[in-house]
Amino acid sequence: MTDSNDILAVPLWINGHAFLTMAPAFFDVRDPRSGRVRRRTPLCGASQAATAIDAAAAGLPAWTSLTAGERAGLLATLADSLAGYGSHFAGLIAEETGQDDAAAAAEVEQALRLLRGATEAAGAGGPAGVVAIVCDDRAPLAGLLQHAVPALLAGSTVVAKPSPKAPSAAVALAELTARSGFPAGTFNVLHGDLEAIEGLCAADGLNLLLFAGDPALASRVAEIAGRYGRQLAG
């Protein structure tokens, strides 16, 4: 039997690099197919959420200084990087969600279509700002990118808050953004559960909160957002 201390914690991704934190608690990420604990997700709170939002706010000037076409080009570069690691991402998705191999591979293909479909025109929209995206474990990669791609195209920076059950695809994607030339702070990953969401809603620098996943969970997120005078979109 593997000692829980030997199981690695998933890092956050803040300001362009992996970010380790001493969270008060951790969530065991289990492979639904075998029940085996694969890794541990730090359950972060207000302090880590504020750090992630601050990094995204600090990254805004560099990201907004690029043209929409340049941002679309970086998303296309990210797609090429993701394609090169497609089987790895599919493996992470299958391992953490219990999807079969074909479904996990299909989600990666959907993610590639979202990134490659990014165009300068698609980035037109409201003012750029800091966007937090809360996702469940239904589609940890494609669900995230469904909101992240248009936000990034429009010049916004992103803080992703994936499900603690399926955290790895978001972090792996964040690492690829750094390798693809995205400025530091453009794409950040915060881990946790409801406390992390509260921390995001409480942060002064947050401009927009989005959600991808189960409507029942969306209702809980909306209730938290409402307590802080925020609305949930998506």
C-alpha atoms as a PDB file:
ATOM      1  CA  MET A   1       0.000   0.000   0.000  1.00  0.00           C
ATOM      2  CA  THR A   2       1.286   3.458  -0.908  1.00  0.00           C
ATOM      3  CA  ASP A   3       1.745   5.876   1.973  1.00  0.00           C
ATOM      4  CA  SER A   4      -0.325   9.025   1.461  1.00  0.00           C
ATOM      5  CA  ASN A   5       2.815  11.079   2.091  1.00  0.00           C
ATOM      6  CA  ASP A   6       4.342   9.558  -1.040  1.00  0.00           C
ATOM      7  CA  ILE A   7       1.526  10.816  -3.275  1.00  0.00           C
ATOM      8  CA  LEU A   8       2.437  14.110  -4.918  1.00  0.00           C
ATOM      9  CA  ALA A   9       0.264  17.190  -4.649  1.00  0.00           C
ATOM     10  CA  VAL A  10      -0.768  18.943  -7.848  1.00  0.00           C
ATOM     11  CA  PRO A  11       0.789  22.416  -8.042  1.00  0.00           C
ATOM     12  CA  LEU A  12      -1.050  25.620  -8.709  1.00  0.00           C
ATOM     13  CA  TRP A  13       0.088  27.652 -11.714  1.00  0.00           C
ATOM     14  CA  ILE A  14       0.551  31.333 -10.959  1.00  0.00           C
ATOM     15  CA  ASN A  15       2.435  34.062 -12.804  1.00  0.00           C
ATOM     16  CA  GLY A  16       3.903  31.714 -15.400  1.00  0.00           C
ATOM     17  CA  HIS A  17       5.239  28.940 -13.207  1.00  0.00           C
ATOM     18  CA  ALA A  18       4.260  26.075 -10.930  1.00  0.00           C
ATOM     19  CA  PHE A  19       3.319  27.327  -7.475  1.00  0.00           C
ATOM     20  CA  LEU A  20       3.398  25.074  -4.422  1.00  0.00           C
ATOM     21  CA  THR A  21       1.382  26.003  -1.369  1.00  0.00           C
ATOM     22  CA  MET A  22       0.815  24.640   2.122  1.00  0.00           C
ATOM     23  CA  ALA A  23      -2.943  24.255   1.889  1.00  0.00           C
ATOM     24  CA  PRO A  24      -4.845  23.408   5.078  1.00  0.00           C
ATOM     25  CA  ALA A  25      -6.254  20.244   3.472  1.00  0.00           C
ATOM     26  CA  PHE A  26      -5.949  18.083   0.380  1.00  0.00           C
ATOM     27  CA  PHE A  27      -8.367  16.094  -1.761  1.00  0.00           C
ATOM     28  CA  ASP A  28      -7.376  12.594  -2.892  1.00  0.00           C
ATOM     29  CA  VAL A  29      -7.710  12.304  -6.669  1.00  0.00           C
ATOM     30  CA  ARG A  30      -8.875   8.754  -7.377  1.00  0.00           C
ATOM     31  CA  ASP A  31      -8.986   6.938 -10.663  1.00  0.00           C
ATOM     32  CA  PRO A  32     -12.720   6.058 -10.842  1.00  0.00           C
ATOM     33  CA  ARG A  33     -11.871   2.924 -12.798  1.00  0.00           C
ATOM     34  CA  SER A  34      -9.563   1.410 -10.171  1.00  0.00           C
ATOM     35  CA  GLY A  35     -10.133   3.427  -7.010  1.00  0.00           C
ATOM     36  CA  ARG A  36      -6.398   4.113  -6.821  1.00  0.00           C
ATOM     37  CA  VAL A  37      -5.298   7.482  -5.448  1.00  0.00           C
ATOM     38  CA  ARG A  38      -3.199   9.104  -8.164  1.00  0.00           C
ATOM     39  CA  ARG A  39      -2.394  12.511  -6.707  1.00  0.00           C
ATOM     40  CA  ARG A  40      -3.625  15.087  -4.211  1.00  0.00           C
ATOM     41  CA  THR A  41      -5.318  18.411  -4.875  1.00  0.00           C
ATOM     42  CA  PRO A  42      -4.579  21.283  -2.461  1.00  0.00           C
ATOM     43  CA  LEU A  43      -7.793  22.810  -1.145  1.00  0.00           C
ATOM     44  CA  CYS A  44      -6.911  26.478  -1.254  1.00  0.00           C
ATOM     45  CA  GLY A  45      -8.659  29.459   0.255  1.00  0.00           C
ATOM     46  CA  ALA A  46      -8.761  33.234   0.164  1.00  0.00           C
ATOM     47  CA  SER A  47      -5.003  33.826   0.343  1.00  0.00           C
ATOM     48  CA  GLN A  48      -4.137  31.670  -2.658  1.00  0.00           C
ATOM     49  CA  ALA A  49      -7.152  32.982  -4.590  1.00  0.00           C
ATOM     50  CA  ALA A  50      -5.990  36.561  -4.038  1.00  0.00           C
ATOM     51  CA  THR A  51      -2.482  35.641  -5.180  1.00  0.00           C
ATOM     52  CA  ALA A  52      -3.855  34.126  -8.383  1.00  0.00           C
ATOM     53  CA  ILE A  53      -6.113  37.116  -9.096  1.00  0.00           C
ATOM     54  CA  ASP A  54      -3.249  39.536  -8.424  1.00  0.00           C
ATOM     55  CA  ALA A  55      -1.035  37.624 -10.869  1.00  0.00           C
ATOM     56  CA  ALA A  56      -3.740  37.780 -13.526  1.00  0.00           C
ATOM     57  CA  ALA A  57      -4.198  41.517 -12.938  1.00  0.00           C
ATOM     58  CA  ALA A  58      -0.448  42.088 -13.184  1.00  0.00           C
ATOM     59  CA  GLY A  59      -0.408  40.134 -16.444  1.00  0.00           C
ATOM     60  CA  LEU A  60      -3.105  42.239 -18.109  1.00  0.00           C
ATOM     61  CA  PRO A  61      -0.888  44.998 -19.561  1.00  0.00           C
ATOM     62  CA  ALA A  62       1.378  42.580 -21.445  1.00  0.00           C
ATOM     63  CA  TRP A  63      -1.548  40.554 -22.774  1.00  0.00           C
ATOM     64  CA  THR A  64      -3.699  43.510 -23.799  1.00  0.00           C
ATOM     65  CA  SER A  65      -0.723  45.138 -25.528  1.00  0.00           C
ATOM     66  CA  LEU A  66      -0.883  42.357 -28.120  1.00  0.00           C
ATOM     67  CA  THR A  67      -3.269  42.649 -31.040  1.00  0.00           C
ATOM     68  CA  ALA A  68      -6.204  40.254 -31.271  1.00  0.00           C
ATOM     69  CA  GLY A  69      -4.415  38.613 -34.182  1.00  0.00           C
ATOM     70  CA  GLU A  70      -1.286  38.089 -32.100  1.00  0.00           C
ATOM     71  CA  ARG A  71      -3.342  36.569 -29.298  1.00  0.00           C
ATOM     72  CA  ALA A  72      -5.059  34.267 -31.793  1.00  0.00           C
ATOM     73  CA  GLY A  73      -1.626  33.264 -33.077  1.00  0.00           C
ATOM     74  CA  LEU A  74      -0.510  32.297 -29.582  1.00  0.00           C
ATOM     75  CA  LEU A  75      -3.650  30.210 -29.140  1.00  0.00           C
ATOM     76  CA  ALA A  76      -2.843  28.446 -32.412  1.00  0.00           C
ATOM     77  CA  THR A  77       0.681  27.777 -31.116  1.00  0.00           C
ATOM     78  CA  LEU A  78      -0.873  26.392 -27.936  1.00  0.00           C
ATOM     79  CA  ALA A  79      -3.021  24.083 -30.081  1.00  0.00           C
ATOM     80  CA  ASP A  80       0.089  22.743 -31.807  1.00  0.00           C
ATOM     81  CA  SER A  81       1.721  22.097 -28.423  1.00  0.00           C
ATOM     82  CA  LEU A  82      -1.416  20.389 -27.118  1.00  0.00           C
ATOM     83  CA  ALA A  83      -1.605  18.193 -30.212  1.00  0.00           C
ATOM     84  CA  GLY A  84       1.937  17.006 -29.519  1.00  0.00           C
ATOM     85  CA  TYR A  85       0.895  15.863 -26.042  1.00  0.00           C
ATOM     86  CA  GLY A  86      -2.599  14.724 -27.003  1.00  0.00           C
ATOM     87  CA  SER A  87      -2.240  11.179 -25.711  1.00  0.00           C
ATOM     88  CA  HIS A  88      -0.856  12.462 -22.401  1.00  0.00           C
ATOM     89  CA  PHE A  89      -3.807  14.812 -21.916  1.00  0.00           C
ATOM     90  CA  ALA A  90      -6.262  12.074 -22.872  1.00  0.00           C
ATOM     91  CA  GLY A  91      -4.625   9.815 -20.297  1.00  0.00           C
ATOM     92  CA  LEU A  92      -4.984  12.435 -17.562  1.00  0.00           C
ATOM     93  CA  ILE A  93      -8.630  13.011 -18.437  1.00  0.00           C
ATOM     94  CA  ALA A  94      -9.443   9.291 -18.468  1.00  0.00           C
ATOM     95  CA  GLU A  95      -7.547   8.702 -15.237  1.00  0.00           C
ATOM     96  CA  GLU A  96      -9.318  11.447 -13.315  1.00  0.00           C
ATOM     97  CA  THR A  97     -12.838  11.376 -14.782  1.00  0.00           C
ATOM     98  CA  GLY A  98     -13.300   7.690 -15.580  1.00  0.00           C
ATOM     99  CA  GLN A  99     -14.021   8.422 -19.240  1.00  0.00           C
ATOM    100  CA  ASP A 100     -13.077   5.645 -21.619  1.00  0.00           C
ATOM    101  CA  ASP A 101     -10.078   6.177 -23.878  1.00  0.00           C
ATOM    102  CA  ALA A 102     -12.166   7.136 -26.902  1.00  0.00           C
ATOM    103  CA  ALA A 103     -14.158   9.760 -24.998  1.00  0.00           C
ATOM    104  CA  ALA A 104     -11.028  11.255 -23.443  1.00  0.00           C
ATOM    105  CA  ALA A 105      -9.348  11.459 -26.855  1.00  0.00           C
ATOM    106  CA  ALA A 106     -12.498  13.088 -28.260  1.00  0.00           C
ATOM    107  CA  GLU A 107     -12.341  15.749 -25.558  1.00  0.00           C
ATOM    108  CA  VAL A 108      -8.763  16.567 -26.525  1.00  0.00           C
ATOM    109  CA  GLU A 109      -9.883  16.891 -30.155  1.00  0.00           C
ATOM    110  CA  GLN A 110     -12.664  19.228 -29.076  1.00  0.00           C
ATOM    111  CA  ALA A 111     -10.110  21.315 -27.176  1.00  0.00           C
ATOM    112  CA  LEU A 112      -7.939  21.515 -30.295  1.00  0.00           C
ATOM    113  CA  ARG A 113     -10.901  22.695 -32.378  1.00  0.00           C
ATOM    114  CA  LEU A 114     -11.625  25.439 -29.847  1.00  0.00           C
ATOM    115  CA  LEU A 115      -8.032  26.662 -29.922  1.00  0.00           C
ATOM    116  CA  ARG A 116      -7.638  26.396 -33.685  1.00  0.00           C
ATOM    117  CA  GLY A 117     -10.969  28.077 -34.264  1.00  0.00           C
ATOM    118  CA  ALA A 118      -9.735  31.180 -32.495  1.00  0.00           C
ATOM    119  CA  THR A 119      -9.779  34.150 -34.871  1.00  0.00           C
ATOM    120  CA  GLU A 120      -9.245  37.866 -34.483  1.00  0.00           C
ATOM    121  CA  ALA A 121     -12.935  38.542 -35.062  1.00  0.00           C
ATOM    122  CA  ALA A 122     -13.970  36.029 -32.390  1.00  0.00           C
ATOM    123  CA  GLY A 123     -12.029  38.017 -29.817  1.00  0.00           C
ATOM    124  CA  ALA A 124     -14.196  41.105 -30.177  1.00  0.00           C
ATOM    125  CA  GLY A 125     -16.311  41.821 -27.142  1.00  0.00           C
ATOM    126  CA  GLY A 126     -16.409  43.682 -23.864  1.00  0.00           C
ATOM    127  CA  PRO A 127     -13.539  45.303 -22.009  1.00  0.00           C
ATOM    128  CA  ALA A 128     -10.608  43.121 -21.036  1.00  0.00           C
ATOM    129  CA  GLY A 129     -10.186  42.184 -17.395  1.00  0.00           C
ATOM    130  CA  VAL A 130      -9.497  39.320 -15.014  1.00  0.00           C
ATOM    131  CA  VAL A 131     -11.791  36.350 -15.656  1.00  0.00           C
ATOM    132  CA  ALA A 132     -12.161  33.405 -13.262  1.00  0.00           C
ATOM    133  CA  ILE A 133     -13.483  30.146 -14.741  1.00  0.00           C
ATOM    134  CA  VAL A 134     -14.860  27.471 -12.418  1.00  0.00           C
ATOM    135  CA  CYS A 135     -15.160  23.993 -13.971  1.00  0.00           C
ATOM    136  CA  ASP A 136     -16.452  20.667 -12.776  1.00  0.00           C
ATOM    137  CA  ASP A 137     -15.020  17.285 -13.765  1.00  0.00           C
ATOM    138  CA  ARG A 138     -17.353  16.621 -16.708  1.00  0.00           C
ATOM    139  CA  ALA A 139     -14.969  18.092 -19.299  1.00  0.00           C
ATOM    140  CA  PRO A 140     -11.872  19.351 -17.454  1.00  0.00           C
ATOM    141  CA  LEU A 141     -10.101  20.482 -20.633  1.00  0.00           C
ATOM    142  CA  ALA A 142     -12.735  21.335 -23.248  1.00  0.00           C
ATOM    143  CA  GLY A 143     -15.117  22.823 -20.680  1.00  0.00           C
ATOM    144  CA  LEU A 144     -12.397  25.152 -19.479  1.00  0.00           C
ATOM    145  CA  LEU A 145     -11.367  26.192 -22.978  1.00  0.00           C
ATOM    146  CA  GLN A 146     -14.974  26.831 -23.993  1.00  0.00           C
ATOM    147  CA  HIS A 147     -14.784  29.964 -21.829  1.00  0.00           C
ATOM    148  CA  ALA A 148     -11.037  30.591 -21.767  1.00  0.00           C
ATOM    149  CA  VAL A 149     -10.553  30.911 -25.532  1.00  0.00           C
ATOM    150  CA  PRO A 150     -12.987  33.821 -26.090  1.00  0.00           C
ATOM    151  CA  ALA A 151     -11.828  35.509 -22.882  1.00  0.00           C
ATOM    152  CA  LEU A 152      -8.171  35.318 -23.907  1.00  0.00           C
ATOM    153  CA  LEU A 153      -8.932  36.481 -27.427  1.00  0.00           C
ATOM    154  CA  ALA A 154     -10.715  39.527 -26.027  1.00  0.00           C
ATOM    155  CA  GLY A 155      -7.600  40.449 -24.055  1.00  0.00           C
ATOM    156  CA  SER A 156      -8.638  39.123 -20.646  1.00  0.00           C
ATOM    157  CA  THR A 157      -6.360  37.132 -18.382  1.00  0.00           C
ATOM    158  CA  VAL A 158      -7.662  33.959 -16.774  1.00  0.00           C
ATOM    159  CA  VAL A 159      -7.703  32.195 -13.427  1.00  0.00           C
ATOM    160  CA  ALA A 160      -8.949  28.632 -13.904  1.00  0.00           C
ATOM    161  CA  LYS A 161     -10.437  26.791 -10.924  1.00  0.00           C
ATOM    162  CA  PRO A 162     -10.799  23.147 -12.002  1.00  0.00           C
ATOM    163  CA  SER A 163     -12.625  20.475 -10.040  1.00  0.00           C
ATOM    164  CA  PRO A 164     -10.477  19.013  -7.251  1.00  0.00           C
ATOM    165  CA  LYS A 165     -11.454  15.629  -8.713  1.00  0.00           C
ATOM    166  CA  ALA A 166      -9.809  16.403 -12.069  1.00  0.00           C
ATOM    167  CA  PRO A 167      -7.139  19.081 -11.651  1.00  0.00           C
ATOM    168  CA  SER A 168      -4.310  17.888 -13.865  1.00  0.00           C
ATOM    169  CA  ALA A 169      -5.410  18.849 -17.376  1.00  0.00           C
ATOM    170  CA  ALA A 170      -5.676  22.528 -16.395  1.00  0.00           C
ATOM    171  CA  VAL A 171      -2.182  22.573 -14.904  1.00  0.00           C
ATOM    172  CA  ALA A 172      -0.702  20.730 -17.879  1.00  0.00           C
ATOM    173  CA  LEU A 173      -2.401  23.229 -20.196  1.00  0.00           C
ATOM    174  CA  ALA A 174      -0.997  26.122 -18.154  1.00  0.00           C
ATOM    175  CA  GLU A 175       2.507  24.714 -18.551  1.00  0.00           C
ATOM    176  CA  LEU A 176       1.987  24.594 -22.307  1.00  0.00           C
ATOM    177  CA  THR A 177       0.890  28.253 -22.340  1.00  0.00           C
ATOM    178  CA  ALA A 178       4.273  29.178 -20.864  1.00  0.00           C
ATOM    179  CA  ARG A 179       6.089  27.045 -23.425  1.00  0.00           C
ATOM    180  CA  SER A 180       4.005  28.634 -26.188  1.00  0.00           C
ATOM    181  CA  GLY A 181       5.077  32.176 -25.324  1.00  0.00           C
ATOM    182  CA  PHE A 182       2.127  33.472 -23.309  1.00  0.00           C
ATOM    183  CA  PRO A 183       3.173  36.327 -20.989  1.00  0.00           C
ATOM    184  CA  ALA A 184       3.378  35.444 -17.296  1.00  0.00           C
ATOM    185  CA  GLY A 185       0.061  35.908 -15.518  1.00  0.00           C
ATOM    186  CA  THR A 186      -2.058  35.369 -18.629  1.00  0.00           C
ATOM    187  CA  PHE A 187      -3.279  31.922 -17.598  1.00  0.00           C
ATOM    188  CA  ASN A 188      -3.294  30.854 -13.940  1.00  0.00           C
ATOM    189  CA  VAL A 189      -4.656  27.813 -12.117  1.00  0.00           C
ATOM    190  CA  LEU A 190      -6.084  27.838  -8.597  1.00  0.00           C
ATOM    191  CA  HIS A 191      -7.100  24.597  -6.870  1.00  0.00           C
ATOM    192  CA  GLY A 192      -9.749  24.018  -4.262  1.00  0.00           C
ATOM    193  CA  ASP A 193     -13.448  23.694  -3.633  1.00  0.00           C
ATOM    194  CA  LEU A 194     -16.041  26.119  -2.275  1.00  0.00           C
ATOM    195  CA  GLU A 195     -13.539  28.105  -0.172  1.00  0.00           C
ATOM    196  CA  ALA A 196     -11.443  28.755  -3.260  1.00  0.00           C
ATOM    197  CA  ILE A 197     -14.537  29.992  -5.095  1.00  0.00           C
ATOM    198  CA  GLU A 198     -15.350  32.282  -2.181  1.00  0.00           C
ATOM    199  CA  GLY A 199     -11.787  33.582  -2.302  1.00  0.00           C
ATOM    200  CA  LEU A 200     -12.143  34.386  -5.993  1.00  0.00           C
ATOM    201  CA  CYS A 201     -15.442  36.192  -5.417  1.00  0.00           C
ATOM    202  CA  ALA A 202     -13.951  38.205  -2.554  1.00  0.00           C
ATOM    203  CA  ALA A 203     -10.921  39.354  -4.547  1.00  0.00           C
ATOM    204  CA  ASP A 204     -11.109  43.003  -5.597  1.00  0.00           C
ATOM    205  CA  GLY A 205      -9.354  42.394  -8.909  1.00  0.00           C
ATOM    206  CA  LEU A 206     -11.893  39.930 -10.313  1.00  0.00           C
ATOM    207  CA  ASN A 207     -13.967  41.314 -13.202  1.00  0.00           C
ATOM    208  CA  LEU A 208     -15.974  38.292 -14.364  1.00  0.00           C
ATOM    209  CA  LEU A 209     -16.864  34.852 -12.993  1.00  0.00           C
ATOM    210  CA  LEU A 210     -17.764  32.043 -15.423  1.00  0.00           C
ATOM    211  CA  PHE A 211     -18.806  28.432 -14.924  1.00  0.00           C
ATOM    212  CA  ALA A 212     -18.655  25.303 -17.071  1.00  0.00           C
ATOM    213  CA  GLY A 213     -20.372  22.083 -16.038  1.00  0.00           C
ATOM    214  CA  ASP A 214     -23.290  20.681 -14.080  1.00  0.00           C
ATOM    215  CA  PRO A 215     -26.199  23.147 -13.624  1.00  0.00           C
ATOM    216  CA  ALA A 216     -26.679  21.933 -10.048  1.00  0.00           C
ATOM    217  CA  LEU A 217     -23.133  22.972  -9.166  1.00  0.00           C
ATOM    218  CA  ALA A 218     -23.596  26.205 -11.090  1.00  0.00           C
ATOM    219  CA  SER A 219     -26.430  27.075  -8.712  1.00  0.00           C
ATOM    220  CA  ARG A 220     -24.131  26.631  -5.716  1.00  0.00           C
ATOM    221  CA  VAL A 221     -21.450  28.781  -7.337  1.00  0.00           C
ATOM    222  CA  ALA A 222     -24.036  31.453  -8.177  1.00  0.00           C
ATOM    223  CA  GLU A 223     -25.203  31.490  -4.554  1.00  0.00           C
ATOM    224  CA  ILE A 224     -21.620  32.076  -3.362  1.00  0.00           C
ATOM    225  CA  ALA A 225     -21.100  34.776  -5.979  1.00  0.00           C
ATOM    226  CA  GLY A 226     -24.310  36.502  -4.913  1.00  0.00           C
ATOM    227  CA  ARG A 227     -23.104  36.770  -1.328  1.00  0.00           C
ATOM    228  CA  TYR A 228     -20.228  38.889  -2.636  1.00  0.00           C
ATOM    229  CA  GLY A 229     -22.377  40.984  -4.917  1.00  0.00           C
ATOM    230  CA  ARG A 230     -21.236  39.199  -8.049  1.00  0.00           C
ATOM    231  CA  GLN A 231     -23.097  37.513 -10.866  1.00  0.00           C
ATOM    232  CA  LEU A 232     -22.170  34.170 -12.396  1.00  0.00           C
ATOM    233  CA  ALA A 233     -22.063  34.008 -16.177  1.00  0.00           C
ATOM    234  CA  GLY A 234     -21.768  31.017 -18.484  1.00  0.00           C
END
